[in-house]
Amino acid sequence: MKILLYGINYSPELTGIGKYSGEQARWLAEQGHEVRVVTAPPYYPQWQVGEGYSPWRFRTEQDAGVTVIRCPLYVPRQPTALTRLLHLLSFSASSFLAVLGQLRWKPDLVMLVVPTLFCAPQALLLAKLSGARSVLHIQDYEVDAMFGLGIGGGSLLRRLAFGIERWLLRRFDRVSTISSGMLDKARGKGVHSKRLLFFPNWSETARFRQVAHSHALLERLGVPPGARVLLYSGNIGEKQGLELILDAAQAHADRPELIFLVVGQGTGKARLLERVQREGLRNVLFAPLQAYEDLPALLASADAHLVIQKRGVADAVLPSKLTNILAVGGNAIITADPDTTLGRLCEEHTGIAVLIEPESVAALNAGIERVLALPARNKVALNYAKEFLDKERILQRFLAQV
């Protein structure tokens, strides 16, 4: 089968959507399918185009049997609501001809990964002209996230944005997304249940099983010997509200045995660093994103995992970092309301994580105490990962359904 995967994020990005799109494309190629990808140069989460790539040039490369077409885009130095919009529009515009150029190749399946929905018209047009099946895979509800964070403008703009989104969603043959709550949201936007697919993010569970605590890795990251580590690893952006971690660190300043370790990159990192320096928070350490081969050891070495999000985005964005935390048997503190996907996950699988109220330092402090009292390995999380997060099972099932 000829498969076109279309999305703004792709390998070698180490976190979020790019990681999963890259793994999916390579897996499809391993199964004998002819796979092409239309994407952008790597830029996330640093918001800076990777070394060796240009933001202004087209480029075609080979990645483990996958043909990857990189299209130019605008990457703002300081993303704001307006510059993010221009960023997404720039990729949609530059990739338009690259996508329609695949008409001669005549794909059998066109899969658009959202964000960004700005790319939906050309994806649908290519599918219609080539007779291909069209799949919209929603990693983030970007419209919901935008208004959930209060950056979307007035009621007229809101109605218009959601109306266009509903119209586009109903044009695809299949709509897939990564959680039960996000499937419910798609139904609420008018997508018929028969066209919906559950396609969760996965973990390479075998790589994360029975991984030992790494004192050497923690020492390299600056963690003192014998300290207990409260880890946040991933994108440092606006959706997370990571100032809450610094609030908790301030509340635990008299406990030097607790270290808050923030590993990652993103637009909010400079602001957090500035506050740590200003307030003299010696129990907070920062480290850059670690190589993927070091990720299992990093996750296995944490005493608690901080899965922090602002209220209002918990069902619009499901944190991809959680899959590997569960696969390693980590004890996670999740900020989400009970009626969200994450809330339901914790209710349906008692003990999988500690669920706390979002945006509350008191709740986070109480959650930290609960997690630090738990055994080092979370058996509920390990069993859940084995049953529901295995990469091979998930991709095989998805391919059979589309």
Protein backbone atom coordinates (compact mmCIF):
# COMPACT_ATOMS: atom_id res chain seq x y z
CA MET A 1 0.00 0.00 0.00
CA LYS A 2 1.15 3.55 -0.74
CA ILE A 3 0.80 5.69 2.37
CA LEU A 4 1.30 9.46 2.68
CA LEU A 5 1.82 10.75 6.21
CA TYR A 6 1.39 14.53 6.43
CA GLY A 7 2.18 16.62 9.49
CA ILE A 8 4.31 19.47 10.77
CA ASN A 9 6.28 17.34 13.29
CA TYR A 10 8.52 14.38 12.51
CA SER A 11 11.77 12.71 13.54
CA PRO A 12 14.43 13.51 14.64
CA GLU A 13 12.30 15.48 17.11
CA LEU A 14 12.66 13.64 20.41
CA THR A 15 9.39 14.54 22.12
CA GLY A 16 5.71 14.72 21.36
CA ILE A 17 4.09 14.19 17.97
CA GLY A 18 7.27 14.06 15.90
CA LYS A 19 8.53 11.04 17.79
CA TYR A 20 5.33 9.06 17.21
CA SER A 21 4.99 10.05 13.53
CA GLY A 22 8.56 8.98 12.89
CA GLU A 23 8.11 5.64 14.60
CA GLN A 24 4.83 5.01 12.77
CA ALA A 25 6.29 5.79 9.33
CA ARG A 26 9.32 3.56 9.88
CA TRP A 27 7.13 0.74 11.20
CA LEU A 28 4.87 0.93 8.12
CA ALA A 29 7.94 0.78 5.86
CA GLU A 30 9.17 -2.28 7.76
CA GLN A 31 5.84 -3.97 7.02
CA GLY A 32 6.50 -3.57 3.31
CA HIS A 33 4.42 -0.46 2.58
CA GLU A 34 5.66 2.39 0.41
CA VAL A 35 5.69 5.40 2.71
CA ARG A 36 6.18 9.08 2.03
CA VAL A 37 6.11 11.89 4.59
CA VAL A 38 5.46 15.59 3.97
CA THR A 39 6.68 17.51 6.99
CA ALA A 40 8.76 20.45 8.20
CA PRO A 41 12.39 20.61 9.32
CA PRO A 42 12.78 19.57 12.97
CA TYR A 43 12.26 22.52 15.32
CA TYR A 44 10.35 21.28 18.38
CA PRO A 45 10.48 21.73 21.37
CA GLN A 46 13.35 24.22 21.11
CA TRP A 47 11.45 26.39 18.58
CA GLN A 48 14.65 26.51 16.59
CA VAL A 49 15.33 24.65 13.34
CA GLY A 50 17.76 21.79 13.93
CA GLU A 51 21.39 21.91 12.91
CA GLY A 52 21.91 20.95 9.28
CA TYR A 53 18.37 22.01 8.26
CA SER A 54 17.09 25.23 6.75
CA PRO A 55 13.75 26.88 7.51
CA TRP A 56 13.60 28.32 3.97
CA ARG A 57 14.39 25.39 1.67
CA PHE A 58 12.69 22.23 0.49
CA ARG A 59 14.61 19.06 1.14
CA THR A 60 14.03 15.37 0.36
CA GLU A 61 15.76 12.68 2.42
CA GLN A 62 15.53 8.97 3.18
CA ASP A 63 14.79 7.72 6.69
CA ALA A 64 14.88 3.93 7.16
CA GLY A 65 13.02 3.26 3.91
CA VAL A 66 10.74 6.32 4.22
CA THR A 67 10.89 9.19 1.73
CA VAL A 68 10.71 12.42 3.75
CA ILE A 69 9.91 15.74 2.05
CA ARG A 70 10.76 18.73 4.26
CA CYS A 71 8.93 21.97 3.53
CA PRO A 72 9.90 25.49 4.66
CA LEU A 73 8.15 27.18 7.55
CA TYR A 74 8.39 30.22 9.77
CA VAL A 75 9.63 29.42 13.30
CA PRO A 76 9.15 32.33 15.71
CA ARG A 77 11.85 32.98 18.29
CA GLN A 78 9.23 33.90 20.90
CA PRO A 79 5.95 32.14 20.06
CA THR A 80 2.81 34.16 20.78
CA ALA A 81 -0.79 33.56 19.71
CA LEU A 82 -0.20 35.54 16.51
CA THR A 83 3.23 34.13 15.65
CA ARG A 84 2.05 30.56 16.30
CA LEU A 85 -0.79 31.17 13.85
CA LEU A 86 1.65 32.46 11.25
CA HIS A 87 3.91 29.48 11.96
CA LEU A 88 1.12 26.99 11.21
CA LEU A 89 -0.10 28.91 8.18
CA SER A 90 3.42 29.08 6.74
CA PHE A 91 3.74 25.30 6.80
CA SER A 92 0.30 24.83 5.28
CA ALA A 93 1.19 27.19 2.44
CA SER A 94 4.67 25.79 1.73
CA SER A 95 3.50 22.17 1.86
CA PHE A 96 0.45 22.70 -0.36
CA LEU A 97 2.24 21.98 -3.66
CA ALA A 98 4.38 19.23 -2.09
CA VAL A 99 1.20 17.41 -1.05
CA LEU A 100 -0.61 17.86 -4.35
CA GLY A 101 2.62 16.83 -6.08
CA GLN A 102 1.97 13.33 -4.75
CA LEU A 103 -0.97 12.98 -7.14
CA ARG A 104 1.29 11.35 -9.75
CA TRP A 105 2.40 8.86 -7.08
CA LYS A 106 -1.29 8.14 -6.37
CA PRO A 107 -1.33 7.14 -2.68
CA ASP A 108 -3.85 4.63 -1.32
CA LEU A 109 -4.02 6.29 2.10
CA VAL A 110 -3.57 9.95 3.04
CA MET A 111 -3.12 10.53 6.77
CA LEU A 112 -3.01 14.04 8.20
CA VAL A 113 -1.71 14.47 11.74
CA VAL A 114 -3.20 17.42 13.64
CA PRO A 115 -1.90 19.92 14.44
CA THR A 116 -2.32 21.55 12.06
CA LEU A 117 -5.87 21.60 10.74
CA PHE A 118 -4.81 24.31 8.28
CA CYS A 119 -3.42 21.43 6.19
CA ALA A 120 -6.78 19.64 5.95
CA PRO A 121 -7.97 21.17 2.61
CA GLN A 122 -4.98 19.95 0.60
CA ALA A 123 -5.02 16.55 2.32
CA LEU A 124 -8.70 16.11 1.44
CA LEU A 125 -8.13 17.35 -2.12
CA LEU A 126 -5.27 14.91 -2.71
CA ALA A 127 -7.33 12.02 -1.33
CA LYS A 128 -10.29 12.91 -3.54
CA LEU A 129 -8.23 13.31 -6.72
CA SER A 130 -6.21 10.14 -6.18
CA GLY A 131 -9.10 8.00 -4.88
CA ALA A 132 -7.30 7.43 -1.58
CA ARG A 133 -8.84 6.91 1.84
CA SER A 134 -8.40 9.93 4.09
CA VAL A 135 -7.57 9.74 7.80
CA LEU A 136 -7.37 12.65 10.21
CA HIS A 137 -5.34 11.74 13.28
CA ILE A 138 -5.81 14.19 16.15
CA GLN A 139 -2.91 14.45 18.55
CA ASP A 140 -3.99 17.88 19.83
CA TYR A 141 -7.31 19.68 19.52
CA GLU A 142 -5.56 22.90 18.62
CA VAL A 143 -8.75 25.00 18.50
CA ASP A 144 -9.86 23.78 21.93
CA ALA A 145 -6.39 24.28 23.34
CA MET A 146 -6.22 27.81 21.98
CA PHE A 147 -9.52 28.88 23.53
CA GLY A 148 -8.89 26.81 26.67
CA LEU A 149 -5.78 28.89 27.29
CA GLY A 150 -7.70 32.10 26.71
CA ILE A 151 -5.84 33.22 23.59
CA GLY A 152 -8.61 32.80 21.04
CA GLY A 153 -10.38 36.13 20.98
CA GLY A 154 -14.10 36.92 21.07
CA SER A 155 -17.24 34.84 20.74
CA LEU A 156 -17.66 35.47 16.99
CA LEU A 157 -14.15 34.21 16.24
CA ARG A 158 -14.76 31.26 18.55
CA ARG A 159 -17.96 30.23 16.75
CA LEU A 160 -16.29 30.61 13.37
CA ALA A 161 -13.23 28.56 14.35
CA PHE A 162 -15.26 25.71 15.82
CA GLY A 163 -17.66 25.77 12.86
CA ILE A 164 -14.82 25.37 10.35
CA GLU A 165 -13.28 22.64 12.49
CA ARG A 166 -16.57 20.69 12.60
CA TRP A 167 -16.98 20.99 8.83
CA LEU A 168 -13.46 19.72 8.13
CA LEU A 169 -13.66 16.82 10.60
CA ARG A 170 -16.77 15.48 8.88
CA ARG A 171 -15.04 15.41 5.47
CA PHE A 172 -12.50 12.69 6.36
CA ASP A 173 -13.21 8.97 5.87
CA ARG A 174 -11.79 8.18 9.29
CA VAL A 175 -10.97 10.32 12.31
CA SER A 176 -8.65 8.84 14.91
CA THR A 177 -7.39 10.19 18.20
CA ILE A 178 -5.45 9.13 21.25
CA SER A 179 -7.87 8.87 24.18
CA SER A 180 -11.45 8.04 25.06
CA GLY A 181 -12.12 11.62 26.11
CA MET A 182 -10.79 12.93 22.80
CA LEU A 183 -13.03 10.44 20.96
CA ASP A 184 -16.00 11.80 22.91
CA LYS A 185 -14.96 15.31 21.90
CA ALA A 186 -14.89 14.27 18.22
CA ARG A 187 -18.44 12.90 18.55
CA GLY A 188 -19.46 16.20 20.07
CA LYS A 189 -18.04 17.92 16.99
CA GLY A 190 -20.31 15.87 14.72
CA VAL A 191 -18.10 12.94 13.72
CA HIS A 192 -20.19 9.74 13.48
CA SER A 193 -19.04 6.92 15.77
CA LYS A 194 -18.66 4.55 12.79
CA ARG A 195 -15.89 6.74 11.41
CA LEU A 196 -14.00 7.12 14.69
CA LEU A 197 -10.89 5.09 15.56
CA PHE A 198 -9.06 4.82 18.86
CA PHE A 199 -5.36 5.15 18.03
CA PRO A 200 -3.46 5.81 21.27
CA ASN A 201 0.15 6.78 21.59
CA TRP A 202 2.32 3.83 22.49
CA SER A 203 5.48 2.84 24.24
CA GLU A 204 8.25 0.51 23.16
CA THR A 205 7.43 -1.35 26.34
CA ALA A 206 10.25 -3.90 26.09
CA ARG A 207 12.83 -1.09 26.25
CA PHE A 208 11.36 0.30 29.46
CA ARG A 209 10.72 -2.93 31.34
CA GLN A 210 12.99 -3.82 34.27
CA VAL A 211 15.29 -0.82 33.85
CA ALA A 212 17.59 -0.14 36.79
CA HIS A 213 17.92 3.12 38.69
CA SER A 214 20.95 4.98 37.28
CA HIS A 215 23.00 6.82 39.90
CA ALA A 216 25.55 7.71 37.21
CA LEU A 217 22.97 9.42 35.01
CA LEU A 218 21.55 11.44 37.90
CA GLU A 219 25.04 12.46 38.96
CA ARG A 220 25.74 13.64 35.40
CA LEU A 221 22.61 15.80 35.61
CA GLY A 222 23.80 17.35 38.86
CA VAL A 223 21.61 15.46 41.34
CA PRO A 224 23.35 15.00 44.72
CA PRO A 225 23.91 11.40 45.89
CA GLY A 226 21.02 10.02 47.93
CA ALA A 227 18.52 12.69 46.85
CA ARG A 228 14.96 11.79 45.95
CA VAL A 229 14.05 13.04 42.49
CA LEU A 230 10.77 14.63 41.44
CA LEU A 231 11.04 14.66 37.65
CA TYR A 232 9.37 16.66 34.93
CA SER A 233 10.58 15.57 31.49
CA GLY A 234 9.25 16.97 28.22
CA ASN A 235 8.18 20.19 26.58
CA ILE A 236 8.39 23.34 28.69
CA GLY A 237 5.58 25.41 27.19
CA GLU A 238 2.41 27.29 27.96
CA LYS A 239 0.04 24.31 28.22
CA GLN A 240 1.79 22.81 31.22
CA GLY A 241 1.78 25.64 33.74
CA LEU A 242 5.12 24.54 35.15
CA GLU A 243 5.33 27.49 37.52
CA LEU A 244 3.42 25.14 39.81
CA ILE A 245 6.55 22.98 40.13
CA LEU A 246 8.52 26.00 41.32
CA ASP A 247 5.77 26.80 43.82
CA ALA A 248 6.12 23.26 45.20
CA ALA A 249 9.90 23.55 45.25
CA GLN A 250 9.63 26.74 47.24
CA ALA A 251 7.32 25.00 49.72
CA HIS A 252 9.89 22.19 50.12
CA ALA A 253 12.95 24.45 50.39
CA ASP A 254 13.65 23.14 53.90
CA ARG A 255 13.95 19.55 52.64
CA PRO A 256 17.32 19.32 50.84
CA GLU A 257 16.82 15.59 50.18
CA LEU A 258 14.14 16.45 47.59
CA ILE A 259 15.30 17.63 44.17
CA PHE A 260 12.94 18.94 41.49
CA LEU A 261 14.55 17.99 38.16
CA VAL A 262 13.17 19.65 35.00
CA VAL A 263 14.44 17.99 31.81
CA GLY A 264 13.46 19.47 28.48
CA GLN A 265 13.26 22.50 26.23
CA GLY A 266 10.56 24.94 25.24
CA THR A 267 9.39 28.50 25.13
CA GLY A 268 8.78 28.73 28.87
CA LYS A 269 12.19 27.54 30.04
CA ALA A 270 13.89 30.94 30.20
CA ARG A 271 11.11 32.31 32.39
CA LEU A 272 11.42 29.39 34.82
CA LEU A 273 15.21 29.69 34.95
CA GLU A 274 14.94 33.40 35.69
CA ARG A 275 12.55 32.78 38.58
CA VAL A 276 14.74 30.03 40.05
CA GLN A 277 17.74 32.35 40.01
CA ARG A 278 15.77 35.29 41.36
CA GLU A 279 14.33 33.30 44.28
CA GLY A 280 17.45 31.22 44.91
CA LEU A 281 15.68 27.85 44.61
CA ARG A 282 18.58 25.47 45.18
CA ASN A 283 16.36 22.38 45.04
CA VAL A 284 15.51 22.89 41.34
CA LEU A 285 17.78 21.60 38.58
CA PHE A 286 17.42 21.98 34.82
CA ALA A 287 18.79 19.70 32.11
CA PRO A 288 18.37 19.58 28.33
CA LEU A 289 16.42 16.83 26.60
CA GLN A 290 18.28 13.55 26.93
CA ALA A 291 19.07 11.14 24.12
CA TYR A 292 16.32 8.58 23.53
CA GLU A 293 18.61 5.73 24.53
CA ASP A 294 18.99 7.35 27.97
CA LEU A 295 15.25 7.92 28.47
CA PRO A 296 14.46 4.54 30.11
CA ALA A 297 17.20 5.04 32.72
CA LEU A 298 16.12 8.63 33.34
CA LEU A 299 12.49 7.65 33.96
CA ALA A 300 13.47 4.65 36.09
CA SER A 301 15.64 6.89 38.27
CA ALA A 302 12.85 9.24 39.37
CA ASP A 303 11.00 8.78 42.66
CA ALA A 304 8.02 10.76 41.36
CA HIS A 305 6.93 11.93 37.90
CA LEU A 306 5.21 15.29 37.55
CA VAL A 307 2.59 15.25 34.76
CA ILE A 308 1.51 18.86 35.01
CA GLN A 309 -1.11 20.61 32.85
CA LYS A 310 -3.26 23.68 33.18
CA ARG A 311 -6.98 23.33 33.73
CA GLY A 312 -8.86 23.55 30.43
CA VAL A 313 -6.50 21.53 28.22
CA ALA A 314 -6.59 18.10 29.86
CA ASP A 315 -8.86 16.60 27.19
CA ALA A 316 -7.58 18.74 24.34
CA VAL A 317 -4.02 17.52 24.87
CA LEU A 318 -3.07 14.12 26.31
CA PRO A 319 0.56 14.26 27.52
CA SER A 320 2.59 11.84 25.43
CA LYS A 321 5.21 11.53 28.18
CA LEU A 322 2.80 9.47 30.26
CA THR A 323 3.08 6.34 28.12
CA ASN A 324 6.76 5.77 28.91
CA ILE A 325 6.29 6.71 32.57
CA LEU A 326 3.71 3.91 32.86
CA ALA A 327 5.90 1.51 30.87
CA VAL A 328 8.79 1.95 33.31
CA GLY A 329 6.45 1.51 36.28
CA GLY A 330 6.86 5.08 37.46
CA ASN A 331 4.75 6.74 40.14
CA ALA A 332 3.10 9.74 38.52
CA ILE A 333 1.31 12.79 39.91
CA ILE A 334 -1.26 13.91 37.33
CA THR A 335 -3.00 17.29 37.44
CA ALA A 336 -6.47 16.86 35.91
CA ASP A 337 -10.12 17.10 36.86
CA PRO A 338 -11.96 13.81 37.50
CA ASP A 339 -14.20 14.10 34.42
CA THR A 340 -11.27 14.31 31.97
CA THR A 341 -9.59 11.42 30.16
CA LEU A 342 -6.75 11.40 32.69
CA GLY A 343 -9.23 11.54 35.54
CA ARG A 344 -11.13 8.57 34.16
CA LEU A 345 -7.89 6.66 33.62
CA CYS A 346 -7.06 7.03 37.31
CA GLU A 347 -10.60 6.03 38.33
CA GLU A 348 -10.78 2.97 36.07
CA HIS A 349 -7.30 1.71 36.99
CA THR A 350 -7.01 2.37 40.71
CA GLY A 351 -3.42 3.00 41.73
CA ILE A 352 -2.09 3.79 38.25
CA ALA A 353 -1.25 7.35 39.35
CA VAL A 354 -2.07 10.00 41.92
CA LEU A 355 -4.69 12.39 40.54
CA ILE A 356 -4.72 15.92 41.95
CA GLU A 357 -6.53 19.19 41.31
CA PRO A 358 -4.89 21.32 38.58
CA GLU A 359 -3.21 24.63 39.37
CA SER A 360 -3.13 24.02 43.14
CA VAL A 361 0.21 24.01 44.94
CA ALA A 362 -1.45 22.60 48.07
CA ALA A 363 -2.78 19.66 46.07
CA LEU A 364 0.61 19.12 44.45
CA ASN A 365 2.40 19.16 47.80
CA ALA A 366 -0.06 16.58 49.17
CA GLY A 367 0.39 14.47 46.03
CA ILE A 368 4.15 14.53 46.45
CA GLU A 369 3.85 13.14 49.97
CA ARG A 370 1.51 10.38 48.77
CA VAL A 371 3.79 9.33 45.92
CA LEU A 372 6.99 9.35 47.97
CA ALA A 373 5.37 6.84 50.34
CA LEU A 374 4.66 4.34 47.52
CA PRO A 375 6.83 1.36 46.45
CA ALA A 376 9.51 2.18 43.87
CA ARG A 377 7.74 0.35 41.03
CA ASN A 378 4.06 0.79 40.26
CA LYS A 379 2.68 -2.64 39.32
CA VAL A 380 -0.65 -1.21 38.14
CA ALA A 381 1.19 1.05 35.70
CA LEU A 382 3.40 -1.81 34.49
CA ASN A 383 0.41 -4.07 33.84
CA TYR A 384 -1.52 -1.31 32.07
CA ALA A 385 1.44 -0.57 29.77
CA LYS A 386 1.88 -4.22 28.89
CA GLU A 387 -1.81 -4.63 28.06
CA PHE A 388 -2.67 -1.32 26.36
CA LEU A 389 0.48 0.55 25.30
CA ASP A 390 2.51 -1.98 23.32
CA LYS A 391 3.65 -0.39 20.05
CA GLU A 392 3.30 -3.49 17.88
CA ARG A 393 -0.25 -4.24 19.01
CA ILE A 394 -1.44 -0.67 18.57
CA LEU A 395 0.00 -0.18 15.08
CA GLN A 396 -1.20 -3.57 13.83
CA ARG A 397 -4.73 -2.84 15.06
CA PHE A 398 -4.76 0.63 13.52
CA LEU A 399 -3.59 -0.60 10.13
CA ALA A 400 -6.28 -3.29 10.11
CA GLN A 401 -9.00 -0.70 10.82
CA VAL A 402 -8.15 2.00 8.33
